[in-house]
Amino acid sequence: MPLTAKAELTRDAILATGGELILSKGFVGVGLQEILSTCGVPKGSFYHYFSSKEGFGVAVLERYVETYLAAVEGLVQRPGSARERIRNLGAAWAGRAGDASADRCLVVKLSAEVSSISDPMRVVLADGVTRLIDLLATVVDAGYTDGSIPDRAPARQLAESLYELWLGAALLDRLMGDGSPFDAALRTTDTLLD
């Protein structure tokens, strides 16, 4: 049965609030009571929208993946060579521009945490990563076409390498807290694109 407009707003509020809390504290570190009290929704209402905390986590991640991919798509569709667009996406990941900052990334935050406790959540994350790499591969291929990136490897392979580089830098940056992992990753990005 489809949700009413009011119910849809309530569900969206739970997802938005929960997403922010999870981004801050992790999935395991956030209880349902905290999510519901923060957004002012009674506990019984939660189960009207979600079958379980895991079902809620899946919905948070699905919503996040769609929003994140739309932001990335907006970044890579801006004017400029494909090389510039990839470099700008890397800078956005480093938290230096745009809405694609790794600081705000649930994939960075939750990949290790939920992969071992929830296969449905892992599948949503894996699908989102695959779609992001596919998008990145399309831009790499455009770089081969426009001549801004030398064609030395399959586009998908280079896209995977860039994603792995940036994801690793995002994780290390959370540990180091000084931006140096992303500085190094952006230099390596330039090397890979030259």
N, C-alpha and C. Protein backbone atom coordinates (compact mmCIF):
# COMPACT_ATOMS: atom_id res chain seq x y z
N MET A 1 0.84 -1.18 0.00
CA MET A 1 0.00 0.00 0.00
C MET A 1 0.89 1.24 0.00
N PRO A 2 0.65 2.17 -0.95
CA PRO A 2 1.48 3.37 -1.01
C PRO A 2 1.27 4.26 0.23
N LEU A 3 2.33 4.96 0.57
CA LEU A 3 2.27 5.86 1.73
C LEU A 3 1.56 7.15 1.37
N THR A 4 0.87 7.75 2.35
CA THR A 4 0.27 9.06 2.15
C THR A 4 1.40 10.09 2.10
N ALA A 5 1.08 11.29 1.68
CA ALA A 5 2.10 12.34 1.60
C ALA A 5 2.71 12.60 2.97
N LYS A 6 1.86 12.63 4.01
CA LYS A 6 2.37 12.87 5.36
C LYS A 6 3.27 11.71 5.81
N ALA A 7 2.84 10.49 5.53
CA ALA A 7 3.64 9.32 5.90
C ALA A 7 4.97 9.31 5.16
N GLU A 8 4.95 9.71 3.90
CA GLU A 8 6.19 9.78 3.12
C GLU A 8 7.15 10.82 3.72
N LEU A 9 6.60 11.95 4.17
CA LEU A 9 7.43 12.97 4.83
C LEU A 9 8.03 12.43 6.13
N THR A 10 7.23 11.71 6.90
CA THR A 10 7.73 11.12 8.15
C THR A 10 8.82 10.11 7.86
N ARG A 11 8.60 9.25 6.88
CA ARG A 11 9.61 8.25 6.51
C ARG A 11 10.91 8.95 6.06
N ASP A 12 10.77 9.99 5.24
CA ASP A 12 11.96 10.74 4.78
C ASP A 12 12.69 11.39 5.95
N ALA A 13 11.92 11.90 6.93
CA ALA A 13 12.55 12.52 8.10
C ALA A 13 13.33 11.48 8.91
N ILE A 14 12.76 10.29 9.06
CA ILE A 14 13.47 9.22 9.78
C ILE A 14 14.74 8.85 9.03
N LEU A 15 14.65 8.71 7.71
CA LEU A 15 15.82 8.36 6.91
C LEU A 15 16.89 9.44 6.96
N ALA A 16 16.48 10.70 6.85
CA ALA A 16 17.46 11.80 6.87
C ALA A 16 18.14 11.89 8.23
N THR A 17 17.35 11.86 9.29
CA THR A 17 17.90 11.93 10.64
C THR A 17 18.80 10.73 10.92
N GLY A 18 18.30 9.56 10.59
CA GLY A 18 19.09 8.34 10.80
C GLY A 18 20.38 8.35 10.00
N GLY A 19 20.31 8.82 8.77
CA GLY A 19 21.51 8.90 7.94
C GLY A 19 22.58 9.79 8.55
N GLU A 20 22.16 10.93 9.07
CA GLU A 20 23.12 11.84 9.71
C GLU A 20 23.72 11.23 10.97
N LEU A 21 22.88 10.61 11.77
CA LEU A 21 23.38 9.97 13.00
C LEU A 21 24.33 8.82 12.67
N ILE A 22 23.99 8.02 11.67
CA ILE A 22 24.85 6.91 11.26
C ILE A 22 26.17 7.43 10.72
N LEU A 23 26.12 8.51 9.95
CA LEU A 23 27.35 9.11 9.43
C LEU A 23 28.25 9.55 10.57
N SER A 24 27.65 10.02 11.64
CA SER A 24 28.42 10.48 12.80
C SER A 24 28.91 9.34 13.69
N LYS A 25 28.03 8.35 13.95
CA LYS A 25 28.34 7.34 14.97
C LYS A 25 28.49 5.92 14.45
N GLY A 26 28.19 5.69 13.17
CA GLY A 26 28.19 4.34 12.65
C GLY A 26 26.84 3.69 12.83
N PHE A 27 26.61 2.58 12.13
CA PHE A 27 25.32 1.91 12.18
C PHE A 27 25.09 1.26 13.54
N VAL A 28 26.07 0.55 14.04
CA VAL A 28 25.94 -0.15 15.32
C VAL A 28 25.86 0.85 16.47
N GLY A 29 26.49 2.00 16.33
CA GLY A 29 26.55 2.99 17.40
C GLY A 29 25.29 3.81 17.58
N VAL A 30 24.32 3.62 16.70
CA VAL A 30 23.08 4.40 16.78
C VAL A 30 21.92 3.46 17.08
N GLY A 31 21.17 3.79 18.12
CA GLY A 31 19.98 3.01 18.46
C GLY A 31 18.73 3.61 17.86
N LEU A 32 17.72 2.78 17.73
CA LEU A 32 16.46 3.27 17.17
C LEU A 32 15.87 4.39 18.01
N GLN A 33 15.96 4.27 19.34
CA GLN A 33 15.39 5.30 20.20
C GLN A 33 16.03 6.65 19.93
N GLU A 34 17.34 6.67 19.73
CA GLU A 34 18.03 7.94 19.44
C GLU A 34 17.54 8.54 18.13
N ILE A 35 17.40 7.70 17.11
CA ILE A 35 16.93 8.18 15.81
C ILE A 35 15.52 8.76 15.96
N LEU A 36 14.64 8.01 16.60
CA LEU A 36 13.24 8.42 16.70
C LEU A 36 13.06 9.64 17.59
N SER A 37 13.78 9.70 18.70
CA SER A 37 13.64 10.88 19.57
C SER A 37 14.23 12.11 18.89
N THR A 38 15.28 11.95 18.12
CA THR A 38 15.88 13.09 17.42
C THR A 38 14.91 13.67 16.38
N CYS A 39 14.16 12.80 15.71
CA CYS A 39 13.23 13.33 14.71
C CYS A 39 11.79 13.42 15.22
N GLY A 40 11.57 13.10 16.51
CA GLY A 40 10.26 13.28 17.12
C GLY A 40 9.19 12.32 16.64
N VAL A 41 9.57 11.08 16.41
CA VAL A 41 8.63 10.07 15.92
C VAL A 41 8.50 8.97 16.98
N PRO A 42 7.27 8.54 17.31
CA PRO A 42 7.11 7.46 18.30
C PRO A 42 7.66 6.13 17.77
N LYS A 43 8.12 5.30 18.70
CA LYS A 43 8.78 4.04 18.33
C LYS A 43 7.87 3.14 17.50
N GLY A 44 6.61 3.07 17.84
CA GLY A 44 5.69 2.22 17.09
C GLY A 44 5.60 2.61 15.62
N SER A 45 5.78 3.89 15.34
CA SER A 45 5.71 4.36 13.95
C SER A 45 6.86 3.82 13.11
N PHE A 46 7.99 3.59 13.74
CA PHE A 46 9.17 3.11 13.01
C PHE A 46 8.82 1.83 12.25
N TYR A 47 8.15 0.91 12.92
CA TYR A 47 7.85 -0.38 12.31
C TYR A 47 6.73 -0.31 11.26
N HIS A 48 6.08 0.83 11.17
CA HIS A 48 5.14 1.07 10.08
C HIS A 48 5.91 1.28 8.77
N TYR A 49 7.11 1.85 8.89
CA TYR A 49 7.91 2.19 7.71
C TYR A 49 9.00 1.16 7.40
N PHE A 50 9.52 0.50 8.42
CA PHE A 50 10.66 -0.40 8.25
C PHE A 50 10.42 -1.68 9.04
N SER A 51 10.79 -2.81 8.47
CA SER A 51 10.55 -4.10 9.13
C SER A 51 11.51 -4.35 10.28
N SER A 52 12.67 -3.69 10.25
CA SER A 52 13.71 -3.93 11.26
C SER A 52 14.75 -2.82 11.16
N LYS A 53 15.70 -2.81 12.08
CA LYS A 53 16.79 -1.84 11.98
C LYS A 53 17.60 -2.11 10.71
N GLU A 54 17.78 -3.38 10.37
CA GLU A 54 18.50 -3.71 9.14
C GLU A 54 17.74 -3.19 7.91
N GLY A 55 16.42 -3.36 7.89
CA GLY A 55 15.61 -2.84 6.79
C GLY A 55 15.73 -1.33 6.69
N PHE A 56 15.77 -0.68 7.84
CA PHE A 56 16.00 0.76 7.88
C PHE A 56 17.38 1.09 7.31
N GLY A 57 18.40 0.33 7.70
CA GLY A 57 19.75 0.55 7.19
C GLY A 57 19.81 0.42 5.68
N VAL A 58 19.12 -0.57 5.15
CA VAL A 58 19.07 -0.76 3.70
C VAL A 58 18.44 0.48 3.05
N ALA A 59 17.33 0.96 3.61
CA ALA A 59 16.64 2.13 3.05
C ALA A 59 17.52 3.38 3.13
N VAL A 60 18.24 3.56 4.25
CA VAL A 60 19.16 4.70 4.38
C VAL A 60 20.22 4.63 3.28
N LEU A 61 20.79 3.45 3.09
CA LEU A 61 21.85 3.30 2.09
C LEU A 61 21.32 3.47 0.67
N GLU A 62 20.14 2.94 0.38
CA GLU A 62 19.56 3.13 -0.96
C GLU A 62 19.35 4.61 -1.24
N ARG A 63 18.81 5.31 -0.27
CA ARG A 63 18.58 6.76 -0.42
C ARG A 63 19.91 7.48 -0.60
N TYR A 64 20.88 7.12 0.22
CA TYR A 64 22.20 7.74 0.14
C TYR A 64 22.85 7.50 -1.22
N VAL A 65 22.83 6.26 -1.70
CA VAL A 65 23.47 5.92 -2.98
C VAL A 65 22.87 6.76 -4.10
N GLU A 66 21.55 6.87 -4.15
CA GLU A 66 20.91 7.65 -5.22
C GLU A 66 21.31 9.13 -5.14
N THR A 67 21.29 9.69 -3.95
CA THR A 67 21.65 11.09 -3.76
C THR A 67 23.12 11.32 -4.10
N TYR A 68 23.99 10.42 -3.64
CA TYR A 68 25.42 10.56 -3.88
C TYR A 68 25.75 10.44 -5.36
N LEU A 69 25.17 9.45 -6.03
CA LEU A 69 25.44 9.29 -7.46
C LEU A 69 24.95 10.49 -8.26
N ALA A 70 23.83 11.08 -7.86
CA ALA A 70 23.35 12.29 -8.53
C ALA A 70 24.34 13.44 -8.35
N ALA A 71 24.91 13.58 -7.15
CA ALA A 71 25.91 14.63 -6.91
C ALA A 71 27.16 14.38 -7.75
N VAL A 72 27.61 13.14 -7.80
CA VAL A 72 28.80 12.80 -8.60
C VAL A 72 28.52 13.05 -10.08
N GLU A 73 27.36 12.64 -10.53
CA GLU A 73 27.00 12.86 -11.93
C GLU A 73 27.02 14.35 -12.25
N GLY A 74 26.52 15.17 -11.35
CA GLY A 74 26.57 16.61 -11.55
C GLY A 74 27.99 17.13 -11.66
N LEU A 75 28.88 16.59 -10.85
CA LEU A 75 30.29 17.01 -10.91
C LEU A 75 30.96 16.59 -12.21
N VAL A 76 30.72 15.38 -12.67
CA VAL A 76 31.43 14.90 -13.86
C VAL A 76 30.79 15.38 -15.15
N GLN A 77 29.63 16.02 -15.08
CA GLN A 77 29.01 16.56 -16.29
C GLN A 77 29.31 18.04 -16.49
N ARG A 78 30.09 18.61 -15.60
CA ARG A 78 30.45 20.02 -15.76
C ARG A 78 31.35 20.20 -16.97
N PRO A 79 31.45 21.43 -17.47
CA PRO A 79 32.32 21.68 -18.62
C PRO A 79 33.79 21.38 -18.29
N GLY A 80 34.54 21.09 -19.32
CA GLY A 80 35.97 20.82 -19.16
C GLY A 80 36.31 19.47 -19.74
N SER A 81 37.59 19.24 -19.85
CA SER A 81 38.04 17.95 -20.37
C SER A 81 37.68 16.85 -19.37
N ALA A 82 37.67 15.63 -19.85
CA ALA A 82 37.38 14.50 -18.96
C ALA A 82 38.42 14.43 -17.85
N ARG A 83 39.67 14.71 -18.16
CA ARG A 83 40.74 14.70 -17.15
C ARG A 83 40.42 15.71 -16.05
N GLU A 84 40.02 16.92 -16.44
CA GLU A 84 39.68 17.95 -15.45
C GLU A 84 38.49 17.52 -14.59
N ARG A 85 37.51 16.88 -15.22
CA ARG A 85 36.32 16.46 -14.47
C ARG A 85 36.66 15.36 -13.47
N ILE A 86 37.54 14.44 -13.86
CA ILE A 86 37.97 13.40 -12.91
C ILE A 86 38.78 14.02 -11.79
N ARG A 87 39.67 14.93 -12.14
CA ARG A 87 40.49 15.60 -11.11
C ARG A 87 39.60 16.37 -10.14
N ASN A 88 38.57 17.04 -10.67
CA ASN A 88 37.64 17.78 -9.81
C ASN A 88 36.86 16.84 -8.90
N LEU A 89 36.51 15.66 -9.41
CA LEU A 89 35.83 14.67 -8.56
C LEU A 89 36.76 14.21 -7.44
N GLY A 90 38.03 13.98 -7.76
CA GLY A 90 39.00 13.61 -6.73
C GLY A 90 39.12 14.70 -5.67
N ALA A 91 39.16 15.95 -6.11
CA ALA A 91 39.23 17.07 -5.17
C ALA A 91 37.97 17.14 -4.31
N ALA A 92 36.82 16.85 -4.92
CA ALA A 92 35.57 16.84 -4.15
C ALA A 92 35.62 15.75 -3.10
N TRP A 93 36.13 14.59 -3.45
CA TRP A 93 36.28 13.51 -2.48
C TRP A 93 37.18 13.93 -1.34
N ALA A 94 38.18 14.70 -1.66
CA ALA A 94 39.11 15.16 -0.62
C ALA A 94 38.45 16.20 0.28
N GLY A 95 37.22 16.59 -0.05
CA GLY A 95 36.49 17.54 0.79
C GLY A 95 36.82 18.97 0.46
N ARG A 96 37.36 19.17 -0.72
CA ARG A 96 37.80 20.51 -1.09
C ARG A 96 36.82 21.22 -2.01
N ALA A 97 35.80 20.50 -2.45
CA ALA A 97 34.80 21.11 -3.34
C ALA A 97 33.59 20.20 -3.45
N GLY A 98 32.42 20.79 -3.66
CA GLY A 98 31.25 20.00 -4.01
C GLY A 98 30.62 19.19 -2.88
N ASP A 99 29.68 18.35 -3.28
CA ASP A 99 28.90 17.55 -2.34
C ASP A 99 29.35 16.10 -2.27
N ALA A 100 30.51 15.78 -2.82
CA ALA A 100 30.95 14.39 -2.88
C ALA A 100 32.08 14.11 -1.91
N SER A 101 32.22 14.91 -0.88
CA SER A 101 33.31 14.76 0.08
C SER A 101 33.28 13.41 0.78
N ALA A 102 34.46 12.81 0.92
CA ALA A 102 34.58 11.53 1.62
C ALA A 102 34.17 11.65 3.08
N ASP A 103 34.26 12.86 3.62
CA ASP A 103 33.85 13.12 4.99
C ASP A 103 32.37 12.86 5.20
N ARG A 104 31.62 12.97 4.13
CA ARG A 104 30.17 12.80 4.18
C ARG A 104 29.76 11.50 3.49
N CYS A 105 30.65 10.53 3.42
CA CYS A 105 30.42 9.32 2.62
C CYS A 105 30.09 8.12 3.50
N LEU A 106 28.87 7.61 3.36
CA LEU A 106 28.48 6.42 4.12
C LEU A 106 29.21 5.17 3.64
N VAL A 107 29.68 5.15 2.40
CA VAL A 107 30.46 4.00 1.93
C VAL A 107 31.76 3.93 2.72
N VAL A 108 32.43 5.08 2.87
CA VAL A 108 33.66 5.13 3.66
C VAL A 108 33.37 4.74 5.10
N LYS A 109 32.30 5.28 5.64
CA LYS A 109 31.96 5.05 7.04
C LYS A 109 31.55 3.61 7.33
N LEU A 110 30.78 2.99 6.43
CA LEU A 110 30.12 1.74 6.78
C LEU A 110 30.63 0.48 6.08
N SER A 111 31.46 0.60 5.07
CA SER A 111 31.86 -0.59 4.30
C SER A 111 32.36 -1.72 5.20
N ALA A 112 33.31 -1.44 6.03
CA ALA A 112 33.86 -2.49 6.89
C ALA A 112 32.87 -2.88 7.99
N GLU A 113 32.15 -1.90 8.52
CA GLU A 113 31.25 -2.18 9.65
C GLU A 113 30.09 -3.09 9.26
N VAL A 114 29.38 -2.77 8.20
CA VAL A 114 28.16 -3.53 7.91
C VAL A 114 28.38 -4.74 7.00
N SER A 115 29.50 -4.78 6.30
CA SER A 115 29.73 -5.91 5.38
C SER A 115 29.73 -7.24 6.10
N SER A 116 30.15 -7.24 7.34
CA SER A 116 30.21 -8.50 8.08
C SER A 116 28.95 -8.79 8.90
N ILE A 117 28.04 -7.82 9.02
CA ILE A 117 26.85 -8.06 9.84
C ILE A 117 25.55 -8.05 9.06
N SER A 118 25.56 -7.52 7.83
CA SER A 118 24.31 -7.42 7.07
C SER A 118 24.57 -7.58 5.58
N ASP A 119 24.23 -8.73 5.06
CA ASP A 119 24.42 -8.94 3.62
C ASP A 119 23.53 -8.01 2.79
N PRO A 120 22.27 -7.76 3.16
CA PRO A 120 21.47 -6.82 2.37
C PRO A 120 22.09 -5.41 2.32
N MET A 121 22.65 -4.94 3.42
CA MET A 121 23.29 -3.62 3.40
C MET A 121 24.58 -3.67 2.58
N ARG A 122 25.33 -4.76 2.68
CA ARG A 122 26.55 -4.92 1.89
C ARG A 122 26.23 -4.88 0.40
N VAL A 123 25.14 -5.53 0.01
CA VAL A 123 24.75 -5.57 -1.40
C VAL A 123 24.42 -4.17 -1.91
N VAL A 124 23.72 -3.36 -1.11
CA VAL A 124 23.40 -1.99 -1.52
C VAL A 124 24.69 -1.19 -1.69
N LEU A 125 25.62 -1.31 -0.74
CA LEU A 125 26.89 -0.60 -0.85
C LEU A 125 27.67 -1.07 -2.08
N ALA A 126 27.75 -2.37 -2.30
CA ALA A 126 28.50 -2.91 -3.44
C ALA A 126 27.89 -2.44 -4.76
N ASP A 127 26.57 -2.43 -4.84
CA ASP A 127 25.90 -1.95 -6.05
C ASP A 127 26.20 -0.47 -6.28
N GLY A 128 26.16 0.32 -5.23
CA GLY A 128 26.48 1.75 -5.36
C GLY A 128 27.90 1.97 -5.83
N VAL A 129 28.84 1.21 -5.29
CA VAL A 129 30.24 1.32 -5.70
C VAL A 129 30.38 0.92 -7.17
N THR A 130 29.73 -0.15 -7.57
CA THR A 130 29.79 -0.59 -8.97
C THR A 130 29.26 0.49 -9.90
N ARG A 131 28.15 1.09 -9.53
CA ARG A 131 27.57 2.16 -10.35
C ARG A 131 28.48 3.37 -10.41
N LEU A 132 29.13 3.70 -9.30
CA LEU A 132 30.06 4.83 -9.29
C LEU A 132 31.26 4.54 -10.19
N ILE A 133 31.81 3.35 -10.10
CA ILE A 133 32.94 2.98 -10.96
C ILE A 133 32.52 2.98 -12.42
N ASP A 134 31.32 2.51 -12.72
CA ASP A 134 30.81 2.56 -14.10
C ASP A 134 30.75 3.99 -14.61
N LEU A 135 30.26 4.90 -13.77
CA LEU A 135 30.19 6.31 -14.14
C LEU A 135 31.59 6.87 -14.37
N LEU A 136 32.49 6.56 -13.48
CA LEU A 136 33.88 7.01 -13.62
C LEU A 136 34.51 6.44 -14.89
N ALA A 137 34.23 5.18 -15.21
CA ALA A 137 34.77 4.57 -16.43
C ALA A 137 34.26 5.28 -17.68
N THR A 138 33.02 5.74 -17.64
CA THR A 138 32.47 6.49 -18.77
C THR A 138 33.24 7.79 -18.98
N VAL A 139 33.60 8.45 -17.88
CA VAL A 139 34.37 9.69 -17.99
C VAL A 139 35.79 9.40 -18.46
N VAL A 140 36.40 8.33 -17.96
CA VAL A 140 37.73 7.94 -18.43
C VAL A 140 37.69 7.68 -19.94
N ASP A 141 36.67 6.96 -20.39
CA ASP A 141 36.53 6.68 -21.81
C ASP A 141 36.37 7.97 -22.61
N ALA A 142 35.64 8.93 -22.06
CA ALA A 142 35.50 10.23 -22.72
C ALA A 142 36.87 10.93 -22.79
N GLY A 143 37.70 10.72 -21.78
CA GLY A 143 39.05 11.27 -21.80
C GLY A 143 39.91 10.65 -22.88
N TYR A 144 39.72 9.38 -23.13
CA TYR A 144 40.44 8.73 -24.24
C TYR A 144 39.99 9.35 -25.56
N THR A 145 38.70 9.63 -25.66
CA THR A 145 38.15 10.20 -26.88
C THR A 145 38.59 11.65 -27.07
N ASP A 146 38.55 12.46 -26.00
CA ASP A 146 38.92 13.88 -26.15
C ASP A 146 40.43 14.11 -26.07
N GLY A 147 41.19 13.05 -25.80
CA GLY A 147 42.64 13.15 -25.79
C GLY A 147 43.23 13.69 -24.49
N SER A 148 42.40 13.93 -23.49
CA SER A 148 42.93 14.48 -22.24
C SER A 148 43.53 13.41 -21.33
N ILE A 149 43.25 12.14 -21.63
CA ILE A 149 43.81 11.02 -20.86
C ILE A 149 44.41 10.04 -21.88
N PRO A 150 45.68 9.68 -21.71
CA PRO A 150 46.26 8.70 -22.64
C PRO A 150 45.62 7.33 -22.47
N ASP A 151 45.34 6.68 -23.58
CA ASP A 151 44.66 5.38 -23.59
C ASP A 151 45.68 4.26 -23.39
N ARG A 152 46.00 3.97 -22.11
CA ARG A 152 47.00 2.94 -21.79
C ARG A 152 46.41 1.72 -21.12
N ALA A 153 45.18 1.80 -20.70
CA ALA A 153 44.55 0.67 -19.99
C ALA A 153 43.05 0.73 -20.27
N PRO A 154 42.35 -0.37 -20.10
CA PRO A 154 40.89 -0.32 -20.25
C PRO A 154 40.29 0.72 -19.29
N ALA A 155 39.30 1.44 -19.77
CA ALA A 155 38.69 2.51 -18.97
C ALA A 155 38.20 2.00 -17.62
N ARG A 156 37.60 0.84 -17.61
CA ARG A 156 37.08 0.27 -16.35
C ARG A 156 38.22 0.02 -15.36
N GLN A 157 39.34 -0.47 -15.85
CA GLN A 157 40.50 -0.75 -14.98
C GLN A 157 41.03 0.54 -14.35
N LEU A 158 41.15 1.60 -15.15
CA LEU A 158 41.63 2.87 -14.60
C LEU A 158 40.61 3.43 -13.62
N ALA A 159 39.33 3.32 -13.94
CA ALA A 159 38.28 3.81 -13.03
C ALA A 159 38.34 3.07 -11.69
N GLU A 160 38.51 1.76 -11.73
CA GLU A 160 38.63 0.98 -10.49
C GLU A 160 39.85 1.42 -9.70
N SER A 161 40.96 1.64 -10.38
CA SER A 161 42.19 2.07 -9.69
C SER A 161 42.00 3.43 -9.02
N LEU A 162 41.35 4.35 -9.71
CA LEU A 162 41.10 5.67 -9.12
C LEU A 162 40.19 5.55 -7.91
N TYR A 163 39.12 4.78 -8.03
CA TYR A 163 38.20 4.62 -6.91
C TYR A 163 38.91 3.99 -5.71
N GLU A 164 39.68 2.94 -5.96
CA GLU A 164 40.41 2.27 -4.88
C GLU A 164 41.41 3.23 -4.22
N LEU A 165 42.07 4.04 -5.02
CA LEU A 165 43.01 5.03 -4.50
C LEU A 165 42.30 6.03 -3.60
N TRP A 166 41.19 6.57 -4.08
CA TRP A 166 40.46 7.58 -3.31
C TRP A 166 39.82 6.98 -2.06
N LEU A 167 39.29 5.77 -2.17
CA LEU A 167 38.69 5.13 -1.00
C LEU A 167 39.75 4.88 0.07
N GLY A 168 40.90 4.38 -0.35
CA GLY A 168 42.00 4.16 0.60
C GLY A 168 42.44 5.46 1.24
N ALA A 169 42.53 6.52 0.44
CA ALA A 169 42.92 7.82 0.98
C ALA A 169 41.88 8.33 1.97
N ALA A 170 40.61 8.10 1.67
CA ALA A 170 39.54 8.55 2.58
C ALA A 170 39.64 7.84 3.92
N LEU A 171 39.91 6.54 3.89
CA LEU A 171 40.06 5.78 5.14
C LEU A 171 41.28 6.25 5.92
N LEU A 172 42.40 6.41 5.22
CA LEU A 172 43.62 6.87 5.90
C LEU A 172 43.46 8.29 6.44
N ASP A 173 42.74 9.12 5.70
CA ASP A 173 42.53 10.49 6.16
C ASP A 173 41.74 10.53 7.45
N ARG A 174 40.80 9.60 7.61
CA ARG A 174 40.06 9.53 8.88
C ARG A 174 40.99 9.17 10.02
N LEU A 175 42.00 8.35 9.74
CA LEU A 175 42.97 7.99 10.78
C LEU A 175 43.94 9.12 11.07
N MET A 176 44.49 9.71 10.01
CA MET A 176 45.54 10.72 10.18
C MET A 176 44.97 12.09 10.52
N GLY A 177 43.85 12.43 9.92
CA GLY A 177 43.18 13.68 10.22
C GLY A 177 43.88 14.93 9.74
N ASP A 178 44.85 14.79 8.85
CA ASP A 178 45.60 15.98 8.43
C ASP A 178 45.55 16.26 6.93
N GLY A 179 44.78 15.50 6.17
CA GLY A 179 44.66 15.73 4.74
C GLY A 179 45.79 15.16 3.90
N SER A 180 46.86 14.70 4.53
CA SER A 180 48.01 14.23 3.76
C SER A 180 47.71 13.01 2.89
N PRO A 181 46.88 12.06 3.33
CA PRO A 181 46.58 10.94 2.44
C PRO A 181 45.91 11.38 1.13
N PHE A 182 45.03 12.36 1.22
CA PHE A 182 44.39 12.82 -0.01
C PHE A 182 45.33 13.67 -0.85
N ASP A 183 46.21 14.41 -0.23
CA ASP A 183 47.22 15.14 -1.02
C ASP A 183 48.01 14.15 -1.87
N ALA A 184 48.45 13.06 -1.24
CA ALA A 184 49.21 12.03 -1.96
C ALA A 184 48.34 11.37 -3.02
N ALA A 185 47.09 11.09 -2.70
CA ALA A 185 46.19 10.44 -3.66
C ALA A 185 45.93 11.32 -4.87
N LEU A 186 45.81 12.62 -4.66
CA LEU A 186 45.58 13.52 -5.79
C LEU A 186 46.83 13.62 -6.67
N ARG A 187 48.01 13.56 -6.07
CA ARG A 187 49.24 13.53 -6.88
C ARG A 187 49.29 12.24 -7.70
N THR A 188 48.92 11.13 -7.07
CA THR A 188 48.90 9.85 -7.79
C THR A 188 47.83 9.86 -8.87
N THR A 189 46.70 10.50 -8.60
CA THR A 189 45.65 10.64 -9.62
C THR A 189 46.22 11.34 -10.84
N ASP A 190 46.94 12.44 -10.62
CA ASP A 190 47.55 13.16 -11.74
C ASP A 190 48.50 12.25 -12.52
N THR A 191 49.29 11.45 -11.81
CA THR A 191 50.22 10.53 -12.47
C THR A 191 49.46 9.50 -13.31
N LEU A 192 48.39 8.96 -12.76
CA LEU A 192 47.60 7.97 -13.50
C LEU A 192 46.93 8.56 -14.74
N LEU A 193 46.60 9.84 -14.67
CA LEU A 193 45.92 10.49 -15.79
C LEU A 193 46.87 11.08 -16.81
N ASP A 194 48.16 11.17 -16.47
CA ASP A 194 49.16 11.74 -17.41
C ASP A 194 49.61 10.72 -18.43
